C-alpha cells in the first residue's frame, strides 16, 4: 500500500513539476511578446510625433510661398502686373 501511495505521489510530483515548467515558459513567452509590443508602441509614438511636426511645418504659409517661388518660379503679383478684362454687356 505504501508503495502505491509513493508511486502515485511521485507521479503527481513530476506532473506538477512539468506543469510549473510549462507555466514559466508561457509567462516568459508572453513577457517577451509584451516587450515587443511596447517597443513597437514607442516607435509608432515617435513616428506619429514626427509626422505631426512635419504636417505643421509643411502647412505654413511661408513655407508654401517659398516652395512656390523656388520650385515653380512663381512671383507675387504687383499692381503693375495686374490686367483687368472687361466685357461689353449688351
PDB file of N, CA and C in Angstrom:
ATOM      1  N   UNK A   1       0.806  -1.194   0.000  1.00  0.00           N
ATOM      2  CA  UNK A   1       0.000   0.000   0.000  1.00  0.00           C
ATOM      3  C   UNK A   1       0.852   1.261   0.000  1.00  0.00           C
ATOM      4  N   UNK A   2       1.881   1.277   0.833  1.00  0.00           N
ATOM      5  CA  UNK A   2       2.755   2.444   0.860  1.00  0.00           C
ATOM      6  C   UNK A   2       3.522   2.590  -0.437  1.00  0.00           C
ATOM      7  N   UNK A   3       3.779   1.491  -1.096  1.00  0.00           N
ATOM      8  CA  UNK A   3       4.463   1.549  -2.382  1.00  0.00           C
ATOM      9  C   UNK A   3       3.588   2.213  -3.436  1.00  0.00           C
ATOM     10  N   UNK A   4       2.300   1.921  -3.430  1.00  0.00           N
ATOM     11  CA  UNK A   4       1.379   2.534  -4.383  1.00  0.00           C
ATOM     12  C   UNK A   4       1.227   4.024  -4.118  1.00  0.00           C
ATOM     13  N   UNK A   5       1.105   4.357  -2.853  1.00  0.00           N
ATOM     14  CA  UNK A   5       0.982   5.777  -2.484  1.00  0.00           C
ATOM     15  C   UNK A   5       2.242   6.521  -2.901  1.00  0.00           C
ATOM     16  N   UNK A   6       3.355   5.895  -2.690  1.00  0.00           N
ATOM     17  CA  UNK A   6       4.631   6.502  -3.060  1.00  0.00           C
ATOM     18  C   UNK A   6       4.712   6.721  -4.568  1.00  0.00           C
ATOM     19  N   UNK A   7       4.270   5.762  -5.367  1.00  0.00           N
ATOM     20  CA  UNK A   7       4.291   5.882  -6.830  1.00  0.00           C
ATOM     21  C   UNK A   7       3.319   6.967  -7.281  1.00  0.00           C
ATOM     22  N   UNK A   8       2.142   6.987  -6.707  1.00  0.00           N
ATOM     23  CA  UNK A   8       1.140   7.994  -7.074  1.00  0.00           C
ATOM     24  C   UNK A   8       1.649   9.389  -6.720  1.00  0.00           C
ATOM     25  N   UNK A   9       2.223   9.540  -5.548  1.00  0.00           N
ATOM     26  CA  UNK A   9       2.757  10.850  -5.148  1.00  0.00           C
ATOM     27  C   UNK A   9       3.928  11.269  -6.041  1.00  0.00           C
ATOM     28  N   UNK A  10       4.755  10.320  -6.440  1.00  0.00           N
ATOM     29  CA  UNK A  10       5.873  10.619  -7.335  1.00  0.00           C
ATOM     30  C   UNK A  10       5.351  11.083  -8.693  1.00  0.00           C
ATOM     31  N   UNK A  11       4.339  10.388  -9.200  1.00  0.00           N
ATOM     32  CA  UNK A  11       3.751  10.778 -10.487  1.00  0.00           C
ATOM     33  C   UNK A  11       3.122  12.166 -10.380  1.00  0.00           C
ATOM     34  N   UNK A  12       2.412  12.435  -9.309  1.00  0.00           N
ATOM     35  CA  UNK A  12       1.816  13.758  -9.101  1.00  0.00           C
ATOM     36  C   UNK A  12       2.891  14.846  -8.990  1.00  0.00           C
ATOM     37  N   UNK A  13       3.978  14.521  -8.300  1.00  0.00           N
ATOM     38  CA  UNK A  13       5.068  15.483  -8.152  1.00  0.00           C
ATOM     39  C   UNK A  13       5.706  15.807  -9.496  1.00  0.00           C
ATOM     40  N   UNK A  14       5.946  14.792 -10.319  1.00  0.00           N
ATOM     41  CA  UNK A  14       6.531  15.002 -11.646  1.00  0.00           C
ATOM     42  C   UNK A  14       5.569  15.803 -12.525  1.00  0.00           C
ATOM     43  N   UNK A  15       4.287  15.462 -12.442  1.00  0.00           N
ATOM     44  CA  UNK A  15       3.280  16.179 -13.226  1.00  0.00           C
ATOM     45  C   UNK A  15       3.218  17.654 -12.822  1.00  0.00           C
ATOM     46  N   UNK A  16       3.237  17.906 -11.531  1.00  0.00           N
ATOM     47  CA  UNK A  16       3.233  19.303 -11.049  1.00  0.00           C
ATOM     48  C   UNK A  16       4.491  20.042 -11.498  1.00  0.00           C
ATOM     49  N   UNK A  17       5.622  19.359 -11.461  1.00  0.00           N
ATOM     50  CA  UNK A  17       6.872  19.984 -11.894  1.00  0.00           C
ATOM     51  C   UNK A  17       6.810  20.337 -13.377  1.00  0.00           C
ATOM     52  N   UNK A  18       6.279  19.428 -14.203  1.00  0.00           N
ATOM     53  CA  UNK A  18       6.147  19.702 -15.637  1.00  0.00           C
ATOM     54  C   UNK A  18       5.175  20.852 -15.899  1.00  0.00           C
ATOM     55  N   UNK A  19       4.083  20.884 -15.171  1.00  0.00           N
ATOM     56  CA  UNK A  19       3.133  21.992 -15.316  1.00  0.00           C
ATOM     57  C   UNK A  19       3.760  23.321 -14.906  1.00  0.00           C
ATOM     58  N   UNK A  20       4.575  23.308 -13.881  1.00  0.00           N
ATOM     59  CA  UNK A  20       5.260  24.522 -13.447  1.00  0.00           C
ATOM     60  C   UNK A  20       6.246  25.008 -14.503  1.00  0.00           C
ATOM     61  N   UNK A  21       6.995  24.098 -15.089  1.00  0.00           N
ATOM     62  CA  UNK A  21       7.943  24.467 -16.149  1.00  0.00           C
ATOM     63  C   UNK A  21       7.190  25.042 -17.340  1.00  0.00           C
ATOM     64  N   UNK A  22       6.076  24.421 -17.702  1.00  0.00           N
ATOM     65  CA  UNK A  22       5.281  24.913 -18.819  1.00  0.00           C
ATOM     66  C   UNK A  22       4.720  26.308 -18.523  1.00  0.00           C
ATOM     67  N   UNK A  23       4.243  26.521 -17.313  1.00  0.00           N
ATOM     68  CA  UNK A  23       3.699  27.826 -16.930  1.00  0.00           C
ATOM     69  C   UNK A  23       4.785  28.903 -16.975  1.00  0.00           C
ATOM     70  N   UNK A  24       5.979  28.585 -16.520  1.00  0.00           N
ATOM     71  CA  UNK A  24       7.072  29.554 -16.572  1.00  0.00           C
ATOM     72  C   UNK A  24       7.459  29.864 -18.012  1.00  0.00           C
ATOM     73  N   UNK A  25       7.463  28.848 -18.861  1.00  0.00           N
ATOM     74  CA  UNK A  25       7.778  29.058 -20.268  1.00  0.00           C
ATOM     75  C   UNK A  25       6.742  29.984 -20.910  1.00  0.00           C
ATOM     76  N   UNK A  26       5.477  29.728 -20.644  1.00  0.00           N
ATOM     77  CA  UNK A  26       4.413  30.571 -21.206  1.00  0.00           C
ATOM     78  C   UNK A  26       4.525  32.006 -20.690  1.00  0.00           C
ATOM     79  N   UNK A  27       4.841  32.159 -19.410  1.00  0.00           N
ATOM     80  CA  UNK A  27       4.985  33.502 -18.835  1.00  0.00           C
ATOM     81  C   UNK A  27       6.142  34.251 -19.498  1.00  0.00           C
ATOM     82  N   UNK A  28       7.262  33.583 -19.717  1.00  0.00           N
ATOM     83  CA  UNK A  28       8.401  34.226 -20.385  1.00  0.00           C
ATOM     84  C   UNK A  28       8.055  34.610 -21.817  1.00  0.00           C
ATOM     85  N   UNK A  29       7.366  33.713 -22.517  1.00  0.00           N
ATOM     86  CA  UNK A  29       6.980  33.977 -23.909  1.00  0.00           C
ATOM     87  C   UNK A  29       6.033  35.184 -23.988  1.00  0.00           C
ATOM     88  N   UNK A  30       5.065  35.238 -23.081  1.00  0.00           N
ATOM     89  CA  UNK A  30       4.141  36.367 -23.065  1.00  0.00           C
ATOM     90  C   UNK A  30       4.843  37.663 -22.674  1.00  0.00           C
ATOM     91  N   UNK A  31       5.812  37.585 -21.770  1.00  0.00           N
ATOM     92  CA  UNK A  31       6.560  38.780 -21.376  1.00  0.00           C
ATOM     93  C   UNK A  31       7.372  39.321 -22.551  1.00  0.00           C
ATOM     94  N   UNK A  32       7.994  38.440 -23.304  1.00  0.00           N
ATOM     95  CA  UNK A  32       8.765  38.866 -24.481  1.00  0.00           C
ATOM     96  C   UNK A  32       7.834  39.502 -25.503  1.00  0.00           C
ATOM     97  N   UNK A  33       6.664  38.909 -25.692  1.00  0.00           N
ATOM     98  CA  UNK A  33       5.683  39.472 -26.627  1.00  0.00           C
ATOM     99  C   UNK A  33       5.218  40.853 -26.154  1.00  0.00           C
ATOM    100  N   UNK A  34       5.026  41.005 -24.861  1.00  0.00           N
ATOM    101  CA  UNK A  34       4.635  42.300 -24.296  1.00  0.00           C
ATOM    102  C   UNK A  34       5.724  43.348 -24.519  1.00  0.00           C
ATOM    103  N   UNK A  35       6.967  42.978 -24.294  1.00  0.00           N
ATOM    104  CA  UNK A  35       8.086  43.901 -24.507  1.00  0.00           C
ATOM    105  C   UNK A  35       8.165  44.342 -25.967  1.00  0.00           C
ATOM    106  N   UNK A  36       7.958  43.417 -26.880  1.00  0.00           N
ATOM    107  CA  UNK A  36       7.982  43.756 -28.310  1.00  0.00           C
ATOM    108  C   UNK A  36       6.851  44.724 -28.657  1.00  0.00           C
ATOM    109  N   UNK A  37       5.667  44.471 -28.115  1.00  0.00           N
ATOM    110  CA  UNK A  37       4.521  45.340 -28.384  1.00  0.00           C
ATOM    111  C   UNK A  37       4.756  46.733 -27.806  1.00  0.00           C
ATOM    112  N   UNK A  38       5.335  46.807 -26.620  1.00  0.00           N
ATOM    113  CA  UNK A  38       5.623  48.108 -26.028  1.00  0.00           C
ATOM    114  C   UNK A  38       6.687  48.848 -26.823  1.00  0.00           C
ATOM    115  N   UNK A  39       7.671  48.135 -27.325  1.00  0.00           N
ATOM    116  CA  UNK A  39       8.705  48.759 -28.152  1.00  0.00           C
ATOM    117  C   UNK A  39       8.103  49.295 -29.442  1.00  0.00           C
ATOM    118  N   UNK A  40       7.237  48.521 -30.057  1.00  0.00           N
ATOM    119  CA  UNK A  40       6.574  48.972 -31.274  1.00  0.00           C
ATOM    120  C   UNK A  40       5.696  50.185 -30.990  1.00  0.00           C
ATOM    121  N   UNK A  41       5.015  50.197 -29.857  1.00  0.00           N
ATOM    122  CA  UNK A  41       4.177  51.340 -29.484  1.00  0.00           C
ATOM    123  C   UNK A  41       5.027  52.594 -29.309  1.00  0.00           C
ATOM    124  N   UNK A  42       6.183  52.469 -28.675  1.00  0.00           N
ATOM    125  CA  UNK A  42       7.077  53.626 -28.521  1.00  0.00           C
ATOM    126  C   UNK A  42       7.556  54.118 -29.875  1.00  0.00           C
ATOM    127  N   UNK A  43       7.912  53.188 -30.756  1.00  0.00           N
ATOM    128  CA  UNK A  43       8.384  53.558 -32.089  1.00  0.00           C
ATOM    129  C   UNK A  43       7.282  54.259 -32.881  1.00  0.00           C
ATOM    130  N   UNK A  44       6.075  53.751 -32.816  1.00  0.00           N
ATOM    131  CA  UNK A  44       4.955  54.377 -33.516  1.00  0.00           C
ATOM    132  C   UNK A  44       4.622  55.745 -32.932  1.00  0.00           C
ATOM    133  N   UNK A  45       4.773  55.897 -31.629  1.00  0.00           N
ATOM    134  CA  UNK A  45       4.530  57.192 -30.990  1.00  0.00           C
ATOM    135  C   UNK A  45       5.543  58.224 -31.458  1.00  0.00           C
ATOM    136  N   UNK A  46       6.801  57.819 -31.579  1.00  0.00           N
ATOM    137  CA  UNK A  46       7.843  58.725 -32.083  1.00  0.00           C
ATOM    138  C   UNK A  46       7.551  59.106 -33.526  1.00  0.00           C
ATOM    139  N   UNK A  47       7.165  58.124 -34.334  1.00  0.00           N
ATOM    140  CA  UNK A  47       6.845  58.392 -35.744  1.00  0.00           C
ATOM    141  C   UNK A  47       5.637  59.324 -35.859  1.00  0.00           C
ATOM    142  N   UNK A  48       4.640  59.140 -35.007  1.00  0.00           N
ATOM    143  CA  UNK A  48       3.455  59.993 -35.008  1.00  0.00           C
ATOM    144  C   UNK A  48       3.833  61.433 -34.664  1.00  0.00           C
ATOM    145  N   UNK A  49       4.679  61.600 -33.663  1.00  0.00           N
ATOM    146  CA  UNK A  49       5.128  62.947 -33.291  1.00  0.00           C
ATOM    147  C   UNK A  49       5.878  63.601 -34.442  1.00  0.00           C
ATOM    148  N   UNK A  50       6.718  62.835 -35.131  1.00  0.00           N
ATOM    149  CA  UNK A  50       7.463  63.361 -36.267  1.00  0.00           C
ATOM    150  C   UNK A  50       6.520  63.763 -37.395  1.00  0.00           C
ATOM    151  N   UNK A  51       5.506  62.954 -37.654  1.00  0.00           N
ATOM    152  CA  UNK A  51       4.544  63.279 -38.700  1.00  0.00           C
ATOM    153  C   UNK A  51       3.726  64.530 -38.359  1.00  0.00           C
ATOM    154  N   UNK A  52       3.387  64.698 -37.085  1.00  0.00           N
ATOM    155  CA  UNK A  52       2.669  65.901 -36.680  1.00  0.00           C
ATOM    156  C   UNK A  52       3.551  67.128 -36.870  1.00  0.00           C
ATOM    157  N   UNK A  53       4.826  67.010 -36.536  1.00  0.00           N
ATOM    158  CA  UNK A  53       5.755  68.121 -36.725  1.00  0.00           C
ATOM    159  C   UNK A  53       5.906  68.444 -38.202  1.00  0.00           C
ATOM    160  N   UNK A  54       6.043  67.411 -39.032  1.00  0.00           N
ATOM    161  CA  UNK A  54       6.149  67.625 -40.478  1.00  0.00           C
ATOM    162  C   UNK A  54       4.899  68.290 -41.029  1.00  0.00           C
ATOM    163  N   UNK A  55       3.746  67.854 -40.568  1.00  0.00           N
ATOM    164  CA  UNK A  55       2.496  68.431 -41.058  1.00  0.00           C
ATOM    165  C   UNK A  55       2.385  69.897 -40.676  1.00  0.00           C
ATOM    166  N   UNK A  56       2.754  70.245 -39.467  1.00  0.00           N
ATOM    167  CA  UNK A  56       2.658  71.647 -39.063  1.00  0.00           C
ATOM    168  C   UNK A  56       3.669  72.503 -39.817  1.00  0.00           C
ATOM    169  N   UNK A  57       4.835  71.931 -40.124  1.00  0.00           N
ATOM    170  CA  UNK A  57       5.849  72.676 -40.867  1.00  0.00           C
ATOM    171  C   UNK A  57       5.443  72.864 -42.317  1.00  0.00           C
ATOM    172  N   UNK A  58       4.952  71.800 -42.942  1.00  0.00           N
ATOM    173  CA  UNK A  58       4.610  71.866 -44.359  1.00  0.00           C
ATOM    174  C   UNK A  58       3.363  72.714 -44.619  1.00  0.00           C
ATOM    175  N   UNK A  59       2.515  72.873 -43.642  1.00  0.00           N
ATOM    176  CA  UNK A  59       1.282  73.623 -43.839  1.00  0.00           C
ATOM    177  C   UNK A  59       1.415  75.109 -43.643  1.00  0.00           C
ATOM    178  N   UNK A  60       2.565  75.590 -43.263  1.00  0.00           N
ATOM    179  CA  UNK A  60       2.718  77.017 -43.007  1.00  0.00           C
ATOM    180  C   UNK A  60       2.765  77.802 -44.308  1.00  0.00           C
ATOM    181  N   UNK A  61       2.131  78.966 -44.308  1.00  0.00           N
ATOM    182  CA  UNK A  61       2.034  79.806 -45.496  1.00  0.00           C
ATOM    183  C   UNK A  61       3.413  80.201 -46.020  1.00  0.00           C
ATOM    184  N   UNK A  62       4.328  80.531 -45.134  1.00  0.00           N
ATOM    185  CA  UNK A  62       5.659  80.973 -45.551  1.00  0.00           C
ATOM    186  C   UNK A  62       6.379  79.848 -46.295  1.00  0.00           C
ATOM    187  N   UNK A  63       6.260  78.646 -45.795  1.00  0.00           N
ATOM    188  CA  UNK A  63       6.917  77.514 -46.456  1.00  0.00           C
ATOM    189  C   UNK A  63       6.311  77.257 -47.832  1.00  0.00           C
ATOM    190  N   UNK A  64       4.992  77.352 -47.927  1.00  0.00           N
ATOM    191  CA  UNK A  64       4.333  77.150 -49.222  1.00  0.00           C
ATOM    192  C   UNK A  64       4.760  78.229 -50.212  1.00  0.00           C
ATOM    193  N   UNK A  65       4.803  79.456 -49.762  1.00  0.00           N
ATOM    194  CA  UNK A  65       5.206  80.553 -50.649  1.00  0.00           C
ATOM    195  C   UNK A  65       6.658  80.396 -51.088  1.00  0.00           C
ATOM    196  N   UNK A  66       7.540  80.019 -50.173  1.00  0.00           N
ATOM    197  CA  UNK A  66       8.950  79.831 -50.528  1.00  0.00           C
ATOM    198  C   UNK A  66       9.104  78.685 -51.519  1.00  0.00           C
ATOM    199  N   UNK A  67       8.350  77.623 -51.321  1.00  0.00           N
ATOM    200  CA  UNK A  67       8.412  76.492 -52.248  1.00  0.00           C
ATOM    201  C   UNK A  67       7.886  76.898 -53.626  1.00  0.00           C
ATOM    202  N   UNK A  68       6.843  77.694 -53.682  1.00  0.00           N
ATOM    203  CA  UNK A  68       6.297  78.157 -54.968  1.00  0.00           C
ATOM    204  C   UNK A  68       7.306  79.043 -55.693  1.00  0.00           C
ATOM    205  N   UNK A  69       7.977  79.901 -54.935  1.00  0.00           N
ATOM    206  CA  UNK A  69       8.986  80.769 -55.570  1.00  0.00           C
ATOM    207  C   UNK A  69      10.172  79.951 -56.073  1.00  0.00           C
ATOM    208  N   UNK A  70      10.654  79.044 -55.256  1.00  0.00           N
ATOM    209  CA  UNK A  70      11.852  78.290 -55.587  1.00  0.00           C
ATOM    210  C   UNK A  70      11.594  77.225 -56.658  1.00  0.00           C
ATOM    211  N   UNK A  71      10.585  76.396 -56.456  1.00  0.00           N
ATOM    212  CA  UNK A  71      10.372  75.245 -57.335  1.00  0.00           C
ATOM    213  C   UNK A  71       9.587  75.587 -58.597  1.00  0.00           C
ATOM    214  N   UNK A  72       8.655  76.511 -58.483  1.00  0.00           N
ATOM    215  CA  UNK A  72       7.777  76.823 -59.612  1.00  0.00           C
ATOM    216  C   UNK A  72       8.081  78.176 -60.259  1.00  0.00           C
ATOM    217  N   UNK A  73       9.070  78.873 -59.728  1.00  0.00           N
ATOM    218  CA  UNK A  73       9.453  80.201 -60.229  1.00  0.00           C
ATOM    219  C   UNK A  73       8.269  81.166 -60.252  1.00  0.00           C
ATOM    220  N   UNK A  74       7.450  81.098 -59.236  1.00  0.00           N
ATOM    221  CA  UNK A  74       6.297  81.995 -59.137  1.00  0.00           C
ATOM    222  C   UNK A  74       6.705  83.252 -58.380  1.00  0.00           C
ATOM    223  N   UNK A  75       6.069  84.349 -58.716  1.00  0.00           N
ATOM    224  CA  UNK A  75       6.318  85.613 -58.021  1.00  0.00           C
ATOM    225  C   UNK A  75       4.975  86.209 -57.628  1.00  0.00           C
ATOM    226  N   UNK A  76       5.007  87.028 -56.617  1.00  0.00           N
ATOM    227  CA  UNK A  76       3.780  87.674 -56.158  1.00  0.00           C
ATOM    228  C   UNK A  76       3.352  88.736 -57.166  1.00  0.00           C
ATOM    229  N   UNK A  77       2.057  88.922 -57.278  1.00  0.00           N
ATOM    230  CA  UNK A  77       1.550  89.924 -58.213  1.00  0.00           C
ATOM    231  C   UNK A  77       1.704  91.317 -57.634  1.00  0.00           C
ATOM    232  N   UNK A  78       2.033  92.236 -58.499  1.00  0.00           N
ATOM    233  CA  UNK A  78       2.089  93.657 -58.134  1.00  0.00           C
ATOM    234  C   UNK A  78       0.985  94.354 -58.915  1.00  0.00           C
ATOM    235  N   UNK A  79       0.561  95.521 -58.466  1.00  0.00           N
ATOM    236  CA  UNK A  79      -0.490  96.228 -59.203  1.00  0.00           C
ATOM    237  C   UNK A  79      -0.107  96.516 -60.660  1.00  0.00           C
ATOM    238  N   UNK A  80       1.176  96.674 -60.938  1.00  0.00           N
ATOM    239  CA  UNK A  80       1.603  96.968 -62.308  1.00  0.00           C
ATOM    240  C   UNK A  80       1.425  95.744 -63.211  1.00  0.00           C
ATOM    241  N   UNK A  81       1.399  94.574 -62.673  1.00  0.00           N
ATOM    242  CA  UNK A  81       1.291  93.359 -63.488  1.00  0.00           C
ATOM    243  C   UNK A  81      -0.132  92.855 -63.615  1.00  0.00           C
ATOM    244  N   UNK A  82      -1.067  93.469 -62.938  1.00  0.00           N
ATOM    245  CA  UNK A  82      -2.450  93.014 -62.960  1.00  0.00           C
ATOM    246  C   UNK A  82      -3.133  93.558 -64.211  1.00  0.00           C
ATOM    247  N   UNK A  83      -3.827  92.705 -64.906  1.00  0.00           N
ATOM    248  CA  UNK A  83      -4.592  93.117 -66.093  1.00  0.00           C
ATOM    249  C   UNK A  83      -6.066  92.845 -65.812  1.00  0.00           C
ATOM    250  N   UNK A  84      -6.858  93.818 -66.131  1.00  0.00           N
ATOM    251  CA  UNK A  84      -8.302  93.695 -65.951  1.00  0.00           C
ATOM    252  C   UNK A  84      -8.957  93.493 -67.304  1.00  0.00           C
ATOM    253  N   UNK A  85      -9.829  92.567 -67.371  1.00  0.00           N
ATOM    254  CA  UNK A  85     -10.572  92.296 -68.591  1.00  0.00           C
ATOM    255  C   UNK A  85     -11.991  92.804 -68.408  1.00  0.00           C
ATOM    256  N   UNK A  86     -12.456  93.473 -69.400  1.00  0.00           N
ATOM    257  CA  UNK A  86     -13.830  93.976 -69.340  1.00  0.00           C
ATOM    258  C   UNK A  86     -14.610  93.364 -70.480  1.00  0.00           C
ATOM    259  N   UNK A  87     -15.875  93.256 -70.268  1.00  0.00           N
ATOM    260  CA  UNK A  87     -16.757  92.761 -71.315  1.00  0.00           C
ATOM    261  C   UNK A  87     -17.840  93.778 -71.571  1.00  0.00           C
ATOM    262  N   UNK A  88     -18.250  93.844 -72.794  1.00  0.00           N
ATOM    263  CA  UNK A  88     -19.356  94.746 -73.119  1.00  0.00           C
ATOM    264  C   UNK A  88     -20.644  93.971 -72.913  1.00  0.00           C
ATOM    265  N   UNK A  89     -21.369  94.396 -71.934  1.00  0.00           N
ATOM    266  CA  UNK A  89     -22.650  93.732 -71.639  1.00  0.00           C
ATOM    267  C   UNK A  89     -23.747  94.404 -72.441  1.00  0.00           C
ATOM    268  N   UNK A  90     -24.394  93.721 -73.336  1.00  0.00           N
ATOM    269  CA  UNK A  90     -25.460  94.328 -74.147  1.00  0.00           C
ATOM    270  C   UNK A  90     -26.729  93.585 -73.929  1.00  0.00           C
TER     271      UNK A  90
END
